[in-house]
Amino acid sequence: MIRDFLKKKHILFYVIVIFLLVYIAFLDSASFFHRYKVQKRYEDLQVALEKLELENKSLEEENSRLKNDPDTWEKLAREAYGMRGQGEENYYFTEEKKSSK
């Protein structure tokens, strides 16, 4: 009778331990699974931050060039907006569509 009681105690102990391990691993707000997801999100955000910092640096350099170098903004005005200098003419070419017979 005492042995049966001790066996039941061991089984109850193992069930409680397994329940606690499952709770700690998956269900708790500070679980290993939750920590893994947060760490992965943090790493993804770090990569995105590095890309944005590089893009920001590139845009700052372009902004500086446009503010300080007249040739740069003149080139931009010619290419993007079709502007021309004094005494220059713009020529626009279009392709003719060939008619198929």
C-alpha atoms as a PDB file:
ATOM      1  CA  MET A   1       0.000   0.000   0.000  1.00  0.00           C
ATOM      2  CA  ILE A   2       2.801   2.381   0.813  1.00  0.00           C
ATOM      3  CA  ARG A   3       4.524   1.436  -2.432  1.00  0.00           C
ATOM      4  CA  ASP A   4       1.397   2.283  -4.421  1.00  0.00           C
ATOM      5  CA  PHE A   5       1.251   5.650  -2.703  1.00  0.00           C
ATOM      6  CA  LEU A   6       4.928   6.341  -3.482  1.00  0.00           C
ATOM      7  CA  LYS A   7       4.434   5.326  -7.126  1.00  0.00           C
ATOM      8  CA  LYS A   8       1.501   7.720  -7.393  1.00  0.00           C
ATOM      9  CA  LYS A   9       3.634  10.456  -5.811  1.00  0.00           C
ATOM     10  CA  HIS A  10       6.373   9.883  -8.404  1.00  0.00           C
ATOM     11  CA  ILE A  11       3.901   9.966 -11.251  1.00  0.00           C
ATOM     12  CA  LEU A  12       2.354  13.158  -9.894  1.00  0.00           C
ATOM     13  CA  PHE A  13       5.831  14.668  -9.521  1.00  0.00           C
ATOM     14  CA  TYR A  14       6.726  13.840 -13.141  1.00  0.00           C
ATOM     15  CA  VAL A  15       3.430  15.219 -14.427  1.00  0.00           C
ATOM     16  CA  ILE A  16       4.010  18.475 -12.544  1.00  0.00           C
ATOM     17  CA  VAL A  17       7.593  18.729 -13.826  1.00  0.00           C
ATOM     18  CA  ILE A  18       6.490  18.105 -17.422  1.00  0.00           C
ATOM     19  CA  PHE A  19       3.713  20.670 -17.076  1.00  0.00           C
ATOM     20  CA  LEU A  20       6.154  23.272 -15.727  1.00  0.00           C
ATOM     21  CA  LEU A  21       8.632  22.594 -18.540  1.00  0.00           C
ATOM     22  CA  VAL A  22       5.914  22.979 -21.179  1.00  0.00           C
ATOM     23  CA  TYR A  23       4.689  26.149 -19.490  1.00  0.00           C
ATOM     24  CA  ILE A  24       8.171  27.656 -19.334  1.00  0.00           C
ATOM     25  CA  ALA A  25       9.021  26.661 -22.887  1.00  0.00           C
ATOM     26  CA  PHE A  26       5.834  27.718 -24.686  1.00  0.00           C
ATOM     27  CA  LEU A  27       3.118  29.360 -22.607  1.00  0.00           C
ATOM     28  CA  ASP A  28       4.811  31.919 -20.384  1.00  0.00           C
ATOM     29  CA  SER A  29       5.198  35.507 -21.612  1.00  0.00           C
ATOM     30  CA  ALA A  30       8.961  35.117 -21.150  1.00  0.00           C
ATOM     31  CA  SER A  31       9.045  31.667 -22.747  1.00  0.00           C
ATOM     32  CA  PHE A  32      11.876  30.420 -24.888  1.00  0.00           C
ATOM     33  CA  PHE A  33       9.618  30.467 -27.938  1.00  0.00           C
ATOM     34  CA  HIS A  34       8.572  34.067 -27.295  1.00  0.00           C
ATOM     35  CA  ARG A  35      12.184  35.108 -26.692  1.00  0.00           C
ATOM     36  CA  TYR A  36      13.220  33.456 -29.973  1.00  0.00           C
ATOM     37  CA  LYS A  37      10.538  35.357 -31.885  1.00  0.00           C
ATOM     38  CA  VAL A  38      11.522  38.656 -30.252  1.00  0.00           C
ATOM     39  CA  GLN A  39      15.222  38.046 -30.965  1.00  0.00           C
ATOM     40  CA  LYS A  40      14.467  37.224 -34.620  1.00  0.00           C
ATOM     41  CA  ARG A  41      12.366  40.390 -34.959  1.00  0.00           C
ATOM     42  CA  TYR A  42      15.164  42.430 -33.359  1.00  0.00           C
ATOM     43  CA  GLU A  43      17.722  41.049 -35.828  1.00  0.00           C
ATOM     44  CA  ASP A  44      15.407  41.795 -38.780  1.00  0.00           C
ATOM     45  CA  LEU A  45      14.920  45.346 -37.537  1.00  0.00           C
ATOM     46  CA  GLN A  46      18.694  45.791 -37.134  1.00  0.00           C
ATOM     47  CA  VAL A  47      19.223  44.772 -40.780  1.00  0.00           C
ATOM     48  CA  ALA A  48      16.481  47.155 -41.915  1.00  0.00           C
ATOM     49  CA  LEU A  49      18.018  49.937 -39.809  1.00  0.00           C
ATOM     50  CA  GLU A  50      21.430  49.429 -41.417  1.00  0.00           C
ATOM     51  CA  LYS A  51      19.876  49.618 -44.899  1.00  0.00           C
ATOM     52  CA  LEU A  52      18.009  52.793 -43.997  1.00  0.00           C
ATOM     53  CA  GLU A  53      21.133  54.373 -42.534  1.00  0.00           C
ATOM     54  CA  LEU A  54      23.026  53.665 -45.767  1.00  0.00           C
ATOM     55  CA  GLU A  55      20.169  55.108 -47.818  1.00  0.00           C
ATOM     56  CA  ASN A  56      20.037  58.169 -45.549  1.00  0.00           C
ATOM     57  CA  LYS A  57      23.779  58.727 -45.938  1.00  0.00           C
ATOM     58  CA  SER A  58      23.466  58.464 -49.717  1.00  0.00           C
ATOM     59  CA  LEU A  59      20.598  60.955 -49.758  1.00  0.00           C
ATOM     60  CA  GLU A  60      22.523  63.368 -47.535  1.00  0.00           C
ATOM     61  CA  GLU A  61      25.479  63.219 -49.931  1.00  0.00           C
ATOM     62  CA  GLU A  62      23.191  63.829 -52.915  1.00  0.00           C
ATOM     63  CA  ASN A  63      21.534  66.718 -51.075  1.00  0.00           C
ATOM     64  CA  SER A  64      24.944  68.228 -50.313  1.00  0.00           C
ATOM     65  CA  ARG A  65      25.991  67.903 -53.962  1.00  0.00           C
ATOM     66  CA  LEU A  66      22.784  69.542 -55.151  1.00  0.00           C
ATOM     67  CA  LYS A  67      23.211  72.438 -52.710  1.00  0.00           C
ATOM     68  CA  ASN A  68      26.887  73.096 -53.405  1.00  0.00           C
ATOM     69  CA  ASP A  69      27.548  72.053 -57.004  1.00  0.00           C
ATOM     70  CA  PRO A  70      25.703  73.984 -59.741  1.00  0.00           C
ATOM     71  CA  ASP A  71      26.717  71.418 -62.366  1.00  0.00           C
ATOM     72  CA  THR A  72      24.893  68.688 -60.470  1.00  0.00           C
ATOM     73  CA  TRP A  73      21.570  70.486 -60.222  1.00  0.00           C
ATOM     74  CA  GLU A  74      21.914  71.699 -63.823  1.00  0.00           C
ATOM     75  CA  LYS A  75      22.377  68.088 -64.944  1.00  0.00           C
ATOM     76  CA  LEU A  76      19.342  67.042 -62.882  1.00  0.00           C
ATOM     77  CA  ALA A  77      17.245  69.863 -64.384  1.00  0.00           C
ATOM     78  CA  ARG A  78      18.231  68.822 -67.906  1.00  0.00           C
ATOM     79  CA  GLU A  79      17.638  65.101 -67.436  1.00  0.00           C
ATOM     80  CA  ALA A  80      14.569  65.062 -65.209  1.00  0.00           C
ATOM     81  CA  TYR A  81      12.710  68.156 -66.359  1.00  0.00           C
ATOM     82  CA  GLY A  82      13.861  68.632 -69.953  1.00  0.00           C
ATOM     83  CA  MET A  83      15.204  72.129 -69.287  1.00  0.00           C
ATOM     84  CA  ARG A  84      17.820  73.739 -71.494  1.00  0.00           C
ATOM     85  CA  GLY A  85      20.454  76.396 -71.246  1.00  0.00           C
ATOM     86  CA  GLN A  86      20.499  79.721 -73.097  1.00  0.00           C
ATOM     87  CA  GLY A  87      20.972  79.305 -76.813  1.00  0.00           C
ATOM     88  CA  GLU A  88      20.292  75.558 -76.698  1.00  0.00           C
ATOM     89  CA  GLU A  89      17.471  73.692 -78.365  1.00  0.00           C
ATOM     90  CA  ASN A  90      15.810  70.487 -77.315  1.00  0.00           C
ATOM     91  CA  TYR A  91      15.195  67.768 -79.865  1.00  0.00           C
ATOM     92  CA  TYR A  92      12.751  64.984 -79.155  1.00  0.00           C
ATOM     93  CA  PHE A  93      12.792  61.812 -81.195  1.00  0.00           C
ATOM     94  CA  THR A  94       9.975  59.354 -81.538  1.00  0.00           C
ATOM     95  CA  GLU A  95      10.006  55.966 -83.163  1.00  0.00           C
ATOM     96  CA  GLU A  96       7.694  55.355 -86.072  1.00  0.00           C
ATOM     97  CA  LYS A  97       5.488  52.338 -85.789  1.00  0.00           C
ATOM     98  CA  LYS A  98       5.965  49.982 -88.692  1.00  0.00           C
ATOM     99  CA  SER A  99       2.769  48.784 -90.228  1.00  0.00           C
ATOM    100  CA  SER A 100       2.637  45.067 -90.875  1.00  0.00           C
ATOM    101  CA  LYS A 101       1.152  43.948 -94.170  1.00  0.00           C
END
